[in-house]
């Protein structure tokens, strides 16, 4: 089942994020079998990351919590708040509508 993990960064957490970004990328590489989609949330002008959104496919809330609690951005103290909610995929998105700046 799908779970959405919504995380908001602490103010001015860019340096914290930079310290653990390599470990974060490795964690996501190691766990790509459960990640439906993920990415940073950004300020309106895209000048800074202000949070993260992960949608993962795991068996239950406990597994989603375990995923989050082992995530390097979480462990590194980047997040001010997090929220986990069940997510049901509705219509599949059109990949052509993705943000071209992210590619």
PDB file of N, CA and C in Angstrom:
ATOM      1  N   UNK A   1       0.834  -1.179   0.000  1.00  0.00           N
ATOM      2  CA  UNK A   1       0.000   0.000   0.000  1.00  0.00           C
ATOM      3  C   UNK A   1       0.875   1.237   0.000  1.00  0.00           C
ATOM      4  N   UNK A   2       0.346   2.306  -0.551  1.00  0.00           N
ATOM      5  CA  UNK A   2       1.108   3.542  -0.675  1.00  0.00           C
ATOM      6  C   UNK A   2       0.939   4.424   0.559  1.00  0.00           C
ATOM      7  N   UNK A   3       2.038   5.067   0.931  1.00  0.00           N
ATOM      8  CA  UNK A   3       2.066   6.004   2.048  1.00  0.00           C
ATOM      9  C   UNK A   3       2.788   7.264   1.589  1.00  0.00           C
ATOM     10  N   UNK A   4       2.207   8.418   1.903  1.00  0.00           N
ATOM     11  CA  UNK A   4       2.838   9.701   1.608  1.00  0.00           C
ATOM     12  C   UNK A   4       3.524  10.203   2.871  1.00  0.00           C
ATOM     13  N   UNK A   5       4.773  10.563   2.732  1.00  0.00           N
ATOM     14  CA  UNK A   5       5.526  11.156   3.839  1.00  0.00           C
ATOM     15  C   UNK A   5       5.818  12.596   3.440  1.00  0.00           C
ATOM     16  N   UNK A   6       5.241  13.505   4.192  1.00  0.00           N
ATOM     17  CA  UNK A   6       5.347  14.933   3.932  1.00  0.00           C
ATOM     18  C   UNK A   6       6.240  15.512   5.024  1.00  0.00           C
ATOM     19  N   UNK A   7       7.355  16.095   4.646  1.00  0.00           N
ATOM     20  CA  UNK A   7       8.303  16.634   5.622  1.00  0.00           C
ATOM     21  C   UNK A   7       8.576  18.101   5.318  1.00  0.00           C
ATOM     22  N   UNK A   8       8.580  18.909   6.356  1.00  0.00           N
ATOM     23  CA  UNK A   8       8.892  20.332   6.242  1.00  0.00           C
ATOM     24  C   UNK A   8      10.237  20.559   6.923  1.00  0.00           C
ATOM     25  N   UNK A   9      11.150  21.216   6.209  1.00  0.00           N
ATOM     26  CA  UNK A   9      12.473  21.482   6.759  1.00  0.00           C
ATOM     27  C   UNK A   9      12.416  22.539   7.851  1.00  0.00           C
ATOM     28  N   UNK A  10      13.379  22.456   8.763  1.00  0.00           N
ATOM     29  CA  UNK A  10      13.583  23.524   9.732  1.00  0.00           C
ATOM     30  C   UNK A  10      14.042  24.768   8.972  1.00  0.00           C
ATOM     31  N   UNK A  11      13.740  25.950   9.477  1.00  0.00           N
ATOM     32  CA  UNK A  11      14.243  27.164   8.827  1.00  0.00           C
ATOM     33  C   UNK A  11      15.769  27.134   8.749  1.00  0.00           C
ATOM     34  N   UNK A  12      16.294  27.611   7.640  1.00  0.00           N
ATOM     35  CA  UNK A  12      17.743  27.722   7.442  1.00  0.00           C
ATOM     36  C   UNK A  12      18.475  26.392   7.607  1.00  0.00           C
ATOM     37  N   UNK A  13      17.839  25.317   7.157  1.00  0.00           N
ATOM     38  CA  UNK A  13      18.442  23.994   7.317  1.00  0.00           C
ATOM     39  C   UNK A  13      19.278  23.563   6.116  1.00  0.00           C
ATOM     40  N   UNK A  14      19.511  24.474   5.191  1.00  0.00           N
ATOM     41  CA  UNK A  14      20.323  24.146   4.021  1.00  0.00           C
ATOM     42  C   UNK A  14      21.660  23.513   4.363  1.00  0.00           C
ATOM     43  N   UNK A  15      22.411  24.065   5.337  1.00  0.00           N
ATOM     44  CA  UNK A  15      23.690  23.440   5.691  1.00  0.00           C
ATOM     45  C   UNK A  15      23.526  22.017   6.252  1.00  0.00           C
ATOM     46  N   UNK A  16      22.472  21.782   7.032  1.00  0.00           N
ATOM     47  CA  UNK A  16      22.213  20.429   7.539  1.00  0.00           C
ATOM     48  C   UNK A  16      21.914  19.483   6.385  1.00  0.00           C
ATOM     49  N   UNK A  17      21.081  19.935   5.473  1.00  0.00           N
ATOM     50  CA  UNK A  17      20.718  19.131   4.297  1.00  0.00           C
ATOM     51  C   UNK A  17      21.969  18.791   3.484  1.00  0.00           C
ATOM     52  N   UNK A  18      22.839  19.768   3.290  1.00  0.00           N
ATOM     53  CA  UNK A  18      24.054  19.553   2.499  1.00  0.00           C
ATOM     54  C   UNK A  18      24.963  18.499   3.136  1.00  0.00           C
ATOM     55  N   UNK A  19      24.990  18.445   4.459  1.00  0.00           N
ATOM     56  CA  UNK A  19      25.844  17.479   5.162  1.00  0.00           C
ATOM     57  C   UNK A  19      25.423  16.034   4.919  1.00  0.00           C
ATOM     58  N   UNK A  20      24.130  15.820   4.736  1.00  0.00           N
ATOM     59  CA  UNK A  20      23.635  14.432   4.648  1.00  0.00           C
ATOM     60  C   UNK A  20      23.096  14.068   3.265  1.00  0.00           C
ATOM     61  N   UNK A  21      23.226  14.960   2.295  1.00  0.00           N
ATOM     62  CA  UNK A  21      22.602  14.702   0.995  1.00  0.00           C
ATOM     63  C   UNK A  21      23.169  13.458   0.324  1.00  0.00           C
ATOM     64  N   UNK A  22      24.456  13.203   0.446  1.00  0.00           N
ATOM     65  CA  UNK A  22      25.024  12.004  -0.179  1.00  0.00           C
ATOM     66  C   UNK A  22      24.448  10.738   0.461  1.00  0.00           C
ATOM     67  N   UNK A  23      24.328  10.735   1.778  1.00  0.00           N
ATOM     68  CA  UNK A  23      23.732   9.586   2.472  1.00  0.00           C
ATOM     69  C   UNK A  23      22.259   9.437   2.092  1.00  0.00           C
ATOM     70  N   UNK A  24      21.553  10.557   1.937  1.00  0.00           N
ATOM     71  CA  UNK A  24      20.153  10.532   1.505  1.00  0.00           C
ATOM     72  C   UNK A  24      20.029   9.887   0.124  1.00  0.00           C
ATOM     73  N   UNK A  25      20.877  10.297  -0.809  1.00  0.00           N
ATOM     74  CA  UNK A  25      20.839   9.735  -2.162  1.00  0.00           C
ATOM     75  C   UNK A  25      21.134   8.246  -2.124  1.00  0.00           C
ATOM     76  N   UNK A  26      22.105   7.835  -1.316  1.00  0.00           N
ATOM     77  CA  UNK A  26      22.430   6.412  -1.203  1.00  0.00           C
ATOM     78  C   UNK A  26      21.264   5.640  -0.588  1.00  0.00           C
ATOM     79  N   UNK A  27      20.624   6.207   0.428  1.00  0.00           N
ATOM     80  CA  UNK A  27      19.466   5.560   1.069  1.00  0.00           C
ATOM     81  C   UNK A  27      18.358   5.329   0.050  1.00  0.00           C
ATOM     82  N   UNK A  28      18.122   6.311  -0.794  1.00  0.00           N
ATOM     83  CA  UNK A  28      17.070   6.165  -1.802  1.00  0.00           C
ATOM     84  C   UNK A  28      17.474   5.184  -2.895  1.00  0.00           C
ATOM     85  N   UNK A  29      18.728   5.149  -3.239  1.00  0.00           N
ATOM     86  CA  UNK A  29      19.210   4.145  -4.186  1.00  0.00           C
ATOM     87  C   UNK A  29      19.024   2.749  -3.602  1.00  0.00           C
ATOM     88  N   UNK A  30      19.386   2.587  -2.339  1.00  0.00           N
ATOM     89  CA  UNK A  30      19.266   1.286  -1.668  1.00  0.00           C
ATOM     90  C   UNK A  30      17.817   0.854  -1.477  1.00  0.00           C
ATOM     91  N   UNK A  31      16.887   1.806  -1.447  1.00  0.00           N
ATOM     92  CA  UNK A  31      15.473   1.506  -1.186  1.00  0.00           C
ATOM     93  C   UNK A  31      14.569   1.808  -2.378  1.00  0.00           C
ATOM     94  N   UNK A  32      15.138   1.872  -3.572  1.00  0.00           N
ATOM     95  CA  UNK A  32      14.351   2.245  -4.744  1.00  0.00           C
ATOM     96  C   UNK A  32      13.213   1.267  -5.023  1.00  0.00           C
ATOM     97  N   UNK A  33      13.289   0.062  -4.495  1.00  0.00           N
ATOM     98  CA  UNK A  33      12.228  -0.914  -4.726  1.00  0.00           C
ATOM     99  C   UNK A  33      10.918  -0.552  -4.025  1.00  0.00           C
ATOM    100  N   UNK A  34      10.918   0.391  -3.087  1.00  0.00           N
ATOM    101  CA  UNK A  34       9.680   0.789  -2.407  1.00  0.00           C
ATOM    102  C   UNK A  34       9.261   2.227  -2.708  1.00  0.00           C
ATOM    103  N   UNK A  35      10.078   2.964  -3.453  1.00  0.00           N
ATOM    104  CA  UNK A  35       9.789   4.378  -3.694  1.00  0.00           C
ATOM    105  C   UNK A  35       8.985   4.534  -4.982  1.00  0.00           C
ATOM    106  N   UNK A  36       7.759   5.031  -4.829  1.00  0.00           N
ATOM    107  CA  UNK A  36       6.895   5.306  -5.978  1.00  0.00           C
ATOM    108  C   UNK A  36       7.332   6.612  -6.640  1.00  0.00           C
ATOM    109  N   UNK A  37       7.507   7.648  -5.822  1.00  0.00           N
ATOM    110  CA  UNK A  37       7.979   8.947  -6.306  1.00  0.00           C
ATOM    111  C   UNK A  37       8.510   9.715  -5.094  1.00  0.00           C
ATOM    112  N   UNK A  38       9.472  10.566  -5.327  1.00  0.00           N
ATOM    113  CA  UNK A  38       9.989  11.399  -4.243  1.00  0.00           C
ATOM    114  C   UNK A  38      10.617  12.653  -4.834  1.00  0.00           C
ATOM    115  N   UNK A  39      10.758  13.646  -3.987  1.00  0.00           N
ATOM    116  CA  UNK A  39      11.425  14.857  -4.432  1.00  0.00           C
ATOM    117  C   UNK A  39      11.361  15.942  -3.380  1.00  0.00           C
ATOM    118  N   UNK A  40      12.199  16.955  -3.560  1.00  0.00           N
ATOM    119  CA  UNK A  40      12.181  18.066  -2.621  1.00  0.00           C
ATOM    120  C   UNK A  40      11.010  19.002  -2.898  1.00  0.00           C
ATOM    121  N   UNK A  41      10.501  19.589  -1.837  1.00  0.00           N
ATOM    122  CA  UNK A  41       9.564  20.694  -1.984  1.00  0.00           C
ATOM    123  C   UNK A  41      10.430  21.953  -2.033  1.00  0.00           C
ATOM    124  N   UNK A  42      10.045  22.891  -2.862  1.00  0.00           N
ATOM    125  CA  UNK A  42      10.865  24.086  -3.045  1.00  0.00           C
ATOM    126  C   UNK A  42      10.067  25.357  -2.807  1.00  0.00           C
ATOM    127  N   UNK A  43      10.815  26.407  -2.537  1.00  0.00           N
ATOM    128  CA  UNK A  43      10.200  27.727  -2.450  1.00  0.00           C
ATOM    129  C   UNK A  43       9.619  28.068  -3.816  1.00  0.00           C
ATOM    130  N   UNK A  44       8.719  29.042  -3.852  1.00  0.00           N
ATOM    131  CA  UNK A  44       8.044  29.396  -5.106  1.00  0.00           C
ATOM    132  C   UNK A  44       9.015  29.742  -6.229  1.00  0.00           C
ATOM    133  N   UNK A  45      10.135  30.345  -5.895  1.00  0.00           N
ATOM    134  CA  UNK A  45      11.101  30.711  -6.934  1.00  0.00           C
ATOM    135  C   UNK A  45      12.166  29.630  -7.139  1.00  0.00           C
ATOM    136  N   UNK A  46      12.003  28.484  -6.480  1.00  0.00           N
ATOM    137  CA  UNK A  46      12.916  27.333  -6.583  1.00  0.00           C
ATOM    138  C   UNK A  46      14.329  27.648  -6.111  1.00  0.00           C
ATOM    139  N   UNK A  47      14.474  28.676  -5.297  1.00  0.00           N
ATOM    140  CA  UNK A  47      15.814  29.044  -4.838  1.00  0.00           C
ATOM    141  C   UNK A  47      16.284  28.212  -3.655  1.00  0.00           C
ATOM    142  N   UNK A  48      15.347  27.526  -2.983  1.00  0.00           N
ATOM    143  CA  UNK A  48      15.757  26.691  -1.856  1.00  0.00           C
ATOM    144  C   UNK A  48      14.783  25.528  -1.661  1.00  0.00           C
ATOM    145  N   UNK A  49      15.309  24.442  -1.131  1.00  0.00           N
ATOM    146  CA  UNK A  49      14.467  23.317  -0.742  1.00  0.00           C
ATOM    147  C   UNK A  49      13.880  23.628   0.623  1.00  0.00           C
ATOM    148  N   UNK A  50      12.593  23.380   0.759  1.00  0.00           N
ATOM    149  CA  UNK A  50      11.912  23.689   2.022  1.00  0.00           C
ATOM    150  C   UNK A  50      11.273  22.457   2.654  1.00  0.00           C
ATOM    151  N   UNK A  51      11.449  21.320   2.044  1.00  0.00           N
ATOM    152  CA  UNK A  51      10.873  20.093   2.574  1.00  0.00           C
ATOM    153  C   UNK A  51      11.038  18.958   1.584  1.00  0.00           C
ATOM    154  N   UNK A  52      10.390  17.862   1.872  1.00  0.00           N
ATOM    155  CA  UNK A  52      10.467  16.681   1.016  1.00  0.00           C
ATOM    156  C   UNK A  52       9.114  15.991   0.975  1.00  0.00           C
ATOM    157  N   UNK A  53       8.870  15.294  -0.127  1.00  0.00           N
ATOM    158  CA  UNK A  53       7.685  14.455  -0.265  1.00  0.00           C
ATOM    159  C   UNK A  53       8.152  13.107  -0.769  1.00  0.00           C
ATOM    160  N   UNK A  54       7.805  12.059  -0.036  1.00  0.00           N
ATOM    161  CA  UNK A  54       8.120  10.699  -0.434  1.00  0.00           C
ATOM    162  C   UNK A  54       6.813   9.927  -0.503  1.00  0.00           C
ATOM    163  N   UNK A  55       6.571   9.241  -1.581  1.00  0.00           N
ATOM    164  CA  UNK A  55       5.440   8.318  -1.651  1.00  0.00           C
ATOM    165  C   UNK A  55       6.055   6.936  -1.834  1.00  0.00           C
ATOM    166  N   UNK A  56       5.817   6.089  -0.840  1.00  0.00           N
ATOM    167  CA  UNK A  56       6.457   4.781  -0.808  1.00  0.00           C
ATOM    168  C   UNK A  56       5.406   3.683  -0.746  1.00  0.00           C
ATOM    169  N   UNK A  57       5.795   2.504  -1.194  1.00  0.00           N
ATOM    170  CA  UNK A  57       4.914   1.343  -1.176  1.00  0.00           C
ATOM    171  C   UNK A  57       5.467   0.346  -0.165  1.00  0.00           C
ATOM    172  N   UNK A  58       4.862   0.331   1.016  1.00  0.00           N
ATOM    173  CA  UNK A  58       5.247  -0.591   2.083  1.00  0.00           C
ATOM    174  C   UNK A  58       3.988  -1.180   2.701  1.00  0.00           C
ATOM    175  N   UNK A  59       4.149  -2.227   3.512  1.00  0.00           N
ATOM    176  CA  UNK A  59       2.998  -3.009   3.965  1.00  0.00           C
ATOM    177  C   UNK A  59       2.080  -2.298   4.950  1.00  0.00           C
ATOM    178  N   UNK A  60       2.623  -1.381   5.764  1.00  0.00           N
ATOM    179  CA  UNK A  60       1.775  -0.746   6.775  1.00  0.00           C
ATOM    180  C   UNK A  60       2.434   0.529   7.306  1.00  0.00           C
ATOM    181  N   UNK A  61       1.718   1.212   8.207  1.00  0.00           N
ATOM    182  CA  UNK A  61       2.220   2.468   8.782  1.00  0.00           C
ATOM    183  C   UNK A  61       3.543   2.247   9.505  1.00  0.00           C
ATOM    184  N   UNK A  62       3.669   1.135  10.214  1.00  0.00           N
ATOM    185  CA  UNK A  62       4.912   0.875  10.944  1.00  0.00           C
ATOM    186  C   UNK A  62       6.098   0.830   9.985  1.00  0.00           C
ATOM    187  N   UNK A  63       5.928   0.222   8.824  1.00  0.00           N
ATOM    188  CA  UNK A  63       7.003   0.157   7.833  1.00  0.00           C
ATOM    189  C   UNK A  63       7.291   1.549   7.263  1.00  0.00           C
ATOM    190  N   UNK A  64       6.251   2.365   7.080  1.00  0.00           N
ATOM    191  CA  UNK A  64       6.459   3.736   6.600  1.00  0.00           C
ATOM    192  C   UNK A  64       7.222   4.548   7.652  1.00  0.00           C
ATOM    193  N   UNK A  65       6.872   4.373   8.913  1.00  0.00           N
ATOM    194  CA  UNK A  65       7.588   5.061   9.985  1.00  0.00           C
ATOM    195  C   UNK A  65       9.048   4.610  10.045  1.00  0.00           C
ATOM    196  N   UNK A  66       9.277   3.314   9.866  1.00  0.00           N
ATOM    197  CA  UNK A  66      10.643   2.796   9.863  1.00  0.00           C
ATOM    198  C   UNK A  66      11.447   3.405   8.711  1.00  0.00           C
ATOM    199  N   UNK A  67      10.829   3.487   7.541  1.00  0.00           N
ATOM    200  CA  UNK A  67      11.489   4.111   6.391  1.00  0.00           C
ATOM    201  C   UNK A  67      11.901   5.541   6.740  1.00  0.00           C
ATOM    202  N   UNK A  68      10.959   6.316   7.267  1.00  0.00           N
ATOM    203  CA  UNK A  68      11.245   7.705   7.613  1.00  0.00           C
ATOM    204  C   UNK A  68      12.321   7.804   8.688  1.00  0.00           C
ATOM    205  N   UNK A  69      12.209   7.009   9.726  1.00  0.00           N
ATOM    206  CA  UNK A  69      13.120   7.133  10.862  1.00  0.00           C
ATOM    207  C   UNK A  69      14.543   6.681  10.551  1.00  0.00           C
ATOM    208  N   UNK A  70      14.739   6.017   9.423  1.00  0.00           N
ATOM    209  CA  UNK A  70      16.083   5.643   8.967  1.00  0.00           C
ATOM    210  C   UNK A  70      16.589   6.537   7.844  1.00  0.00           C
ATOM    211  N   UNK A  71      15.781   7.498   7.435  1.00  0.00           N
ATOM    212  CA  UNK A  71      16.112   8.399   6.334  1.00  0.00           C
ATOM    213  C   UNK A  71      17.153   9.424   6.817  1.00  0.00           C
ATOM    214  N   UNK A  72      18.265   9.590   6.097  1.00  0.00           N
ATOM    215  CA  UNK A  72      19.329  10.482   6.551  1.00  0.00           C
ATOM    216  C   UNK A  72      18.927  11.939   6.785  1.00  0.00           C
ATOM    217  N   UNK A  73      17.991  12.486   6.015  1.00  0.00           N
ATOM    218  CA  UNK A  73      17.553  13.859   6.289  1.00  0.00           C
ATOM    219  C   UNK A  73      16.846  13.928   7.643  1.00  0.00           C
ATOM    220  N   UNK A  74      16.067  12.905   7.953  1.00  0.00           N
ATOM    221  CA  UNK A  74      15.392  12.817   9.256  1.00  0.00           C
ATOM    222  C   UNK A  74      16.437  12.674  10.364  1.00  0.00           C
ATOM    223  N   UNK A  75      17.343  11.723  10.188  1.00  0.00           N
ATOM    224  CA  UNK A  75      18.371  11.478  11.201  1.00  0.00           C
ATOM    225  C   UNK A  75      19.295  12.676  11.372  1.00  0.00           C
ATOM    226  N   UNK A  76      19.500  13.436  10.298  1.00  0.00           N
ATOM    227  CA  UNK A  76      20.387  14.592  10.341  1.00  0.00           C
ATOM    228  C   UNK A  76      19.755  15.843  10.923  1.00  0.00           C
ATOM    229  N   UNK A  77      18.495  15.754  11.326  1.00  0.00           N
ATOM    230  CA  UNK A  77      17.837  16.891  11.955  1.00  0.00           C
ATOM    231  C   UNK A  77      17.356  17.958  10.994  1.00  0.00           C
ATOM    232  N   UNK A  78      17.183  17.603   9.717  1.00  0.00           N
ATOM    233  CA  UNK A  78      16.744  18.580   8.718  1.00  0.00           C
ATOM    234  C   UNK A  78      15.269  18.934   8.881  1.00  0.00           C
ATOM    235  N   UNK A  79      14.453  17.959   9.236  1.00  0.00           N
ATOM    236  CA  UNK A  79      13.008  18.165   9.249  1.00  0.00           C
ATOM    237  C   UNK A  79      12.512  18.787  10.549  1.00  0.00           C
ATOM    238  N   UNK A  80      11.647  19.781  10.397  1.00  0.00           N
ATOM    239  CA  UNK A  80      10.974  20.376  11.555  1.00  0.00           C
ATOM    240  C   UNK A  80       9.732  19.568  11.903  1.00  0.00           C
ATOM    241  N   UNK A  81       8.985  19.177  10.867  1.00  0.00           N
ATOM    242  CA  UNK A  81       7.783  18.368  11.080  1.00  0.00           C
ATOM    243  C   UNK A  81       7.693  17.309   9.988  1.00  0.00           C
ATOM    244  N   UNK A  82       7.020  16.216  10.322  1.00  0.00           N
ATOM    245  CA  UNK A  82       6.737  15.172   9.340  1.00  0.00           C
ATOM    246  C   UNK A  82       5.314  14.685   9.558  1.00  0.00           C
ATOM    247  N   UNK A  83       4.733  14.187   8.483  1.00  0.00           N
ATOM    248  CA  UNK A  83       3.384  13.618   8.553  1.00  0.00           C
ATOM    249  C   UNK A  83       3.336  12.435   7.589  1.00  0.00           C
ATOM    250  N   UNK A  84       2.761  11.342   8.054  1.00  0.00           N
ATOM    251  CA  UNK A  84       2.596  10.161   7.221  1.00  0.00           C
ATOM    252  C   UNK A  84       1.107   9.912   7.055  1.00  0.00           C
ATOM    253  N   UNK A  85       0.670   9.760   5.813  1.00  0.00           N
ATOM    254  CA  UNK A  85      -0.729   9.450   5.544  1.00  0.00           C
ATOM    255  C   UNK A  85      -0.825   8.365   4.482  1.00  0.00           C
ATOM    256  N   UNK A  86      -1.876   7.597   4.578  1.00  0.00           N
ATOM    257  CA  UNK A  86      -2.155   6.598   3.554  1.00  0.00           C
ATOM    258  C   UNK A  86      -2.449   7.334   2.251  1.00  0.00           C
ATOM    259  N   UNK A  87      -2.039   6.770   1.141  1.00  0.00           N
ATOM    260  CA  UNK A  87      -2.196   7.411  -0.158  1.00  0.00           C
ATOM    261  C   UNK A  87      -2.737   6.378  -1.138  1.00  0.00           C
ATOM    262  N   UNK A  88      -3.748   6.777  -1.885  1.00  0.00           N
ATOM    263  CA  UNK A  88      -4.289   5.892  -2.917  1.00  0.00           C
ATOM    264  C   UNK A  88      -4.057   6.533  -4.266  1.00  0.00           C
ATOM    265  N   UNK A  89      -3.339   5.822  -5.105  1.00  0.00           N
ATOM    266  CA  UNK A  89      -3.078   6.344  -6.442  1.00  0.00           C
ATOM    267  C   UNK A  89      -4.386   6.378  -7.205  1.00  0.00           C
ATOM    268  N   UNK A  90      -4.703   7.529  -7.735  1.00  0.00           N
ATOM    269  CA  UNK A  90      -5.882   7.688  -8.573  1.00  0.00           C
ATOM    270  C   UNK A  90      -5.473   7.479 -10.017  1.00  0.00           C
ATOM    271  N   UNK A  91      -5.602   8.483 -10.778  1.00  0.00           N
ATOM    272  CA  UNK A  91      -5.174   8.415 -12.175  1.00  0.00           C
ATOM    273  C   UNK A  91      -3.667   8.558 -12.241  1.00  0.00           C
ATOM    274  N   UNK A  92      -3.068   7.844 -13.157  1.00  0.00           N
ATOM    275  CA  UNK A  92      -1.624   7.929 -13.309  1.00  0.00           C
ATOM    276  C   UNK A  92      -1.278   9.237 -13.995  1.00  0.00           C
ATOM    277  N   UNK A  93      -0.228   9.869 -13.540  1.00  0.00           N
ATOM    278  CA  UNK A  93       0.166  11.166 -14.075  1.00  0.00           C
ATOM    279  C   UNK A  93       0.759  11.040 -15.471  1.00  0.00           C
ATOM    280  N   UNK A  94       0.809  12.157 -16.141  1.00  0.00           N
ATOM    281  CA  UNK A  94       1.414  12.260 -17.455  1.00  0.00           C
ATOM    282  C   UNK A  94       2.869  12.691 -17.267  1.00  0.00           C
ATOM    283  N   UNK A  95       3.844  11.822 -17.545  1.00  0.00           N
ATOM    284  CA  UNK A  95       5.249  12.171 -17.313  1.00  0.00           C
ATOM    285  C   UNK A  95       5.684  13.435 -18.051  1.00  0.00           C
ATOM    286  N   UNK A  96       5.023  13.767 -19.136  1.00  0.00           N
ATOM    287  CA  UNK A  96       5.384  14.971 -19.880  1.00  0.00           C
ATOM    288  C   UNK A  96       5.059  16.250 -19.113  1.00  0.00           C
ATOM    289  N   UNK A  97       4.230  16.147 -18.072  1.00  0.00           N
ATOM    290  CA  UNK A  97       3.893  17.323 -17.273  1.00  0.00           C
ATOM    291  C   UNK A  97       4.881  17.571 -16.154  1.00  0.00           C
ATOM    292  N   UNK A  98       5.864  16.701 -15.993  1.00  0.00           N
ATOM    293  CA  UNK A  98       6.873  16.873 -14.942  1.00  0.00           C
ATOM    294  C   UNK A  98       7.632  18.174 -15.115  1.00  0.00           C
ATOM    295  N   UNK A  99       8.230  18.626 -14.039  1.00  0.00           N
ATOM    296  CA  UNK A  99       8.989  19.872 -14.042  1.00  0.00           C
ATOM    297  C   UNK A  99      10.261  19.704 -14.863  1.00  0.00           C
ATOM    298  N   UNK A 100      10.383  20.382 -16.011  1.00  0.00           N
ATOM    299  CA  UNK A 100      11.575  20.218 -16.843  1.00  0.00           C
ATOM    300  C   UNK A 100      12.839  20.695 -16.154  1.00  0.00           C
ATOM    301  N   UNK A 101      12.708  21.605 -15.189  1.00  0.00           N
ATOM    302  CA  UNK A 101      13.887  22.102 -14.475  1.00  0.00           C
ATOM    303  C   UNK A 101      14.504  21.003 -13.613  1.00  0.00           C
ATOM    304  N   UNK A 102      13.714  19.978 -13.281  1.00  0.00           N
ATOM    305  CA  UNK A 102      14.212  18.903 -12.416  1.00  0.00           C
ATOM    306  C   UNK A 102      14.992  17.869 -13.214  1.00  0.00           C
ATOM    307  N   UNK A 103      14.893  17.889 -14.513  1.00  0.00           N
ATOM    308  CA  UNK A 103      15.591  16.887 -15.331  1.00  0.00           C
ATOM    309  C   UNK A 103      17.002  17.276 -15.639  1.00  0.00           C
TER     310      UNK A 103
END
